[in-house]
Protein backbone atom coordinates (compact mmCIF):
# COMPACT_ATOMS: atom_id res chain seq x y z
CA MET A 1 -31.56 11.45 -7.70
CA THR A 2 -27.88 11.88 -7.00
CA THR A 3 -26.01 9.21 -5.17
CA ARG A 4 -23.32 10.19 -2.77
CA ILE A 5 -20.32 7.92 -2.73
CA ASN A 6 -18.74 8.08 0.71
CA PRO A 7 -14.99 7.81 1.43
CA LEU A 8 -15.29 4.13 2.33
CA ILE A 9 -16.76 3.27 -1.06
CA LYS A 10 -14.12 5.44 -2.75
CA GLY A 11 -11.51 3.46 -0.80
CA LEU A 12 -13.01 0.20 -2.04
CA ILE A 13 -12.98 1.47 -5.62
CA THR A 14 -9.42 2.80 -5.32
CA GLY A 15 -8.21 -0.39 -3.63
CA SER A 16 -9.88 -2.52 -6.30
CA LEU A 17 -8.17 -0.55 -9.05
CA MET A 18 -4.83 -0.92 -7.27
CA LEU A 19 -5.33 -4.66 -6.78
CA GLY A 20 -6.28 -5.04 -10.41
CA PHE A 21 -3.15 -3.17 -11.44
CA VAL A 22 -0.88 -5.19 -9.13
CA SER A 23 -2.45 -8.41 -10.43
CA TRP A 24 -1.88 -7.28 -14.01
CA ILE A 25 1.79 -6.62 -13.25
CA PHE A 26 2.16 -10.12 -11.79
CA LEU A 27 0.22 -11.90 -14.54
CA SER A 28 2.12 -10.09 -17.30
CA ASN A 29 5.45 -11.18 -15.72
CA ARG A 30 6.67 -7.62 -15.30
CA PRO A 31 9.30 -7.03 -12.63
CA ALA A 32 7.79 -5.55 -9.45
CA GLN A 33 10.40 -2.79 -9.33
CA SER A 34 10.03 -1.70 -12.95
CA GLY A 35 8.66 1.80 -12.51
CA PHE A 36 5.09 0.52 -12.64
CA GLU A 37 5.07 0.98 -8.88
CA TYR A 38 4.69 4.71 -9.53
CA ILE A 39 1.46 4.05 -11.40
CA ARG A 40 0.12 2.14 -8.40
CA PHE A 41 0.90 5.12 -6.18
CA GLY A 42 -0.67 7.41 -8.80
CA ILE A 43 -3.90 5.40 -8.56
CA TYR A 44 -3.68 5.66 -4.78
CA ALA A 45 -3.13 9.42 -4.85
CA ALA A 46 -5.94 9.88 -7.39
CA GLY A 47 -8.39 7.97 -5.17
CA ILE A 48 -7.50 10.11 -2.18
CA ALA A 49 -7.70 13.29 -4.28
CA TRP A 50 -11.15 12.20 -5.52
CA THR A 51 -12.26 11.81 -1.89
CA LEU A 52 -10.85 15.15 -0.78
CA ILE A 53 -12.14 17.15 -3.74
CA ALA A 54 -15.61 15.64 -3.47
CA TYR A 55 -15.70 16.55 0.22
CA SER A 56 -14.50 20.08 -0.47
CA ARG A 57 -17.48 20.52 -2.82
CA SER A 58 -20.01 19.12 -0.37
CA PRO A 59 -22.21 21.18 1.97
CA ASN A 60 -20.45 19.49 4.93
CA TYR A 61 -17.09 21.06 4.03
CA THR A 62 -15.75 23.11 6.95
CA GLY A 63 -12.34 24.04 5.61
CA LYS A 64 -10.69 22.60 8.72
CA PHE A 65 -7.64 20.45 8.20
CA GLY A 66 -8.82 17.77 10.62
CA ASP A 67 -12.15 17.37 8.86
CA ILE A 68 -10.56 17.12 5.42
CA PHE A 69 -7.88 14.73 6.67
CA GLY A 70 -10.56 12.58 8.30
CA GLN A 71 -12.25 12.09 4.93
CA GLY A 72 -8.99 11.04 3.28
CA PHE A 73 -8.18 8.83 6.27
CA ARG A 74 -11.39 6.87 5.78
CA CYS A 75 -10.42 6.26 2.18
CA PHE A 76 -6.79 5.28 2.69
CA VAL A 77 -7.47 2.98 5.63
CA VAL A 78 -9.80 0.90 3.45
CA VAL A 79 -7.17 0.78 0.70
CA THR A 80 -4.48 -0.23 3.20
CA LEU A 81 -6.66 -2.99 4.62
CA MET A 82 -7.43 -4.32 1.14
CA MET A 83 -3.77 -4.30 0.12
CA ALA A 84 -2.69 -6.02 3.36
CA ILE A 85 -5.25 -8.80 2.96
CA PHE A 86 -4.32 -9.24 -0.71
CA ILE A 87 -0.59 -9.40 0.02
CA MET A 88 -1.15 -11.89 2.85
CA ILE A 89 -3.27 -14.20 0.69
CA PHE A 90 -0.98 -13.77 -2.31
CA SER A 91 2.14 -14.56 -0.29
CA MET A 92 0.55 -17.58 1.35
CA THR A 93 -0.61 -18.97 -2.00
CA HIS A 94 2.78 -18.36 -3.63
CA PRO A 95 5.33 -19.92 -1.23
CA GLU A 96 7.90 -19.82 -4.02
CA MET A 97 8.25 -16.10 -3.29
CA ALA A 98 9.58 -16.84 0.20
CA ASN A 99 11.87 -19.54 -1.19
CA ASP A 100 13.25 -17.27 -3.93
CA SER A 101 13.78 -14.44 -1.48
CA ALA A 102 15.46 -16.81 0.97
CA VAL A 103 17.97 -17.78 -1.72
CA TYR A 104 19.01 -14.13 -2.07
CA PHE A 105 19.07 -13.73 1.70
CA ARG A 106 21.37 -16.75 2.01
CA GLU A 107 23.69 -15.28 -0.66
CA GLU A 108 23.93 -12.05 1.34
CA LEU A 109 24.73 -13.99 4.50
CA VAL A 110 27.49 -15.90 2.69
CA LYS A 111 28.94 -12.63 1.38
CA GLY A 112 28.98 -11.25 4.91
CA ARG A 113 31.13 -14.17 6.12
CA ASN A 114 30.37 -13.43 9.74
CA ARG A 115 28.07 -16.41 10.42
CA THR A 116 28.72 -20.13 10.70
CA VAL A 117 26.84 -22.52 8.39
CA PRO A 118 24.42 -23.66 11.13
CA GLN A 119 23.74 -20.03 12.08
CA MET A 120 23.06 -19.16 8.45
CA GLU A 121 20.70 -22.13 8.08
CA GLU A 122 18.83 -21.02 11.20
CA ASP A 123 18.67 -17.42 9.93
CA VAL A 124 17.36 -18.52 6.53
CA ALA A 125 14.72 -20.78 8.13
CA SER A 126 13.61 -17.91 10.35
CA TYR A 127 13.53 -15.57 7.36
CA LYS A 128 11.25 -17.95 5.45
CA ARG A 129 8.91 -18.36 8.45
CA GLN A 130 8.59 -14.60 8.87
CA PHE A 131 8.40 -13.73 5.17
CA THR A 132 4.63 -13.21 4.93
CA THR A 133 4.47 -11.32 8.22
CA LYS A 134 7.24 -8.95 7.16
CA LEU A 135 5.70 -8.49 3.72
CA VAL A 136 2.28 -7.66 5.17
CA SER A 137 3.67 -5.32 7.82
CA GLY A 138 5.75 -3.52 5.21
CA THR A 139 2.68 -3.17 3.01
CA VAL A 140 0.60 -1.79 5.87
CA PHE A 141 3.30 0.64 6.97
CA GLY A 142 4.08 1.82 3.44
CA ASN A 143 0.44 2.30 2.49
CA LEU A 144 -0.39 4.13 5.72
CA ILE A 145 2.56 6.49 5.33
CA ALA A 146 1.83 7.15 1.65
CA GLY A 147 -1.89 7.61 2.36
CA ALA A 148 -1.21 10.01 5.21
CA LEU A 149 1.22 12.02 3.08
CA PHE A 150 -1.14 12.17 0.08
CA THR A 151 -4.01 13.18 2.36
CA ALA A 152 -2.04 15.81 4.27
CA PHE A 153 -0.72 17.29 1.03
CA GLY A 154 -4.19 17.32 -0.56
CA ALA A 155 -5.81 18.79 2.53
CA GLY A 156 -3.14 21.49 2.66
CA LEU A 157 -3.71 22.34 -1.00
CA LEU A 158 -7.47 22.57 -0.52
CA ILE A 159 -7.14 24.81 2.52
CA SER A 160 -4.60 27.10 0.83
CA ARG A 161 -6.77 27.30 -2.29
CA ARG A 162 -9.77 28.31 -0.23
CA LYS A 163 -8.00 31.34 1.31
């Protein structure tokens, strides 16, 4: 008996691997912007490729771009949702991230010298309140764009290879 793993399950597996990798980066005190980010995107691309290639080998494969993209879409939406929920929970349980980031934000405001002290304090307070929201929205946007690009590229390769 062969089990068929659908794109949603592949998304859960891919997202879990990405979350494990991101957690490892954090727990090993590695800087977030240390080049390891490329590995995270490699895991993401590999999960989408797994989904697309498996579909291209299935009896349901039509060779139409929309059908192939739809399979990848199901995978990357699950990954995006998992990453957004993780980032939201992580940010809310680590308020020091907002505080540390606010310190840098304040420094940039001081360098700009175009705000009064009360205005800067208000801007910094607003920045800290919106930190998690901005982080989650950036994660969602970035993952959706990357997922769409990986899927479109993979679908294009599969269609061109078929001809």
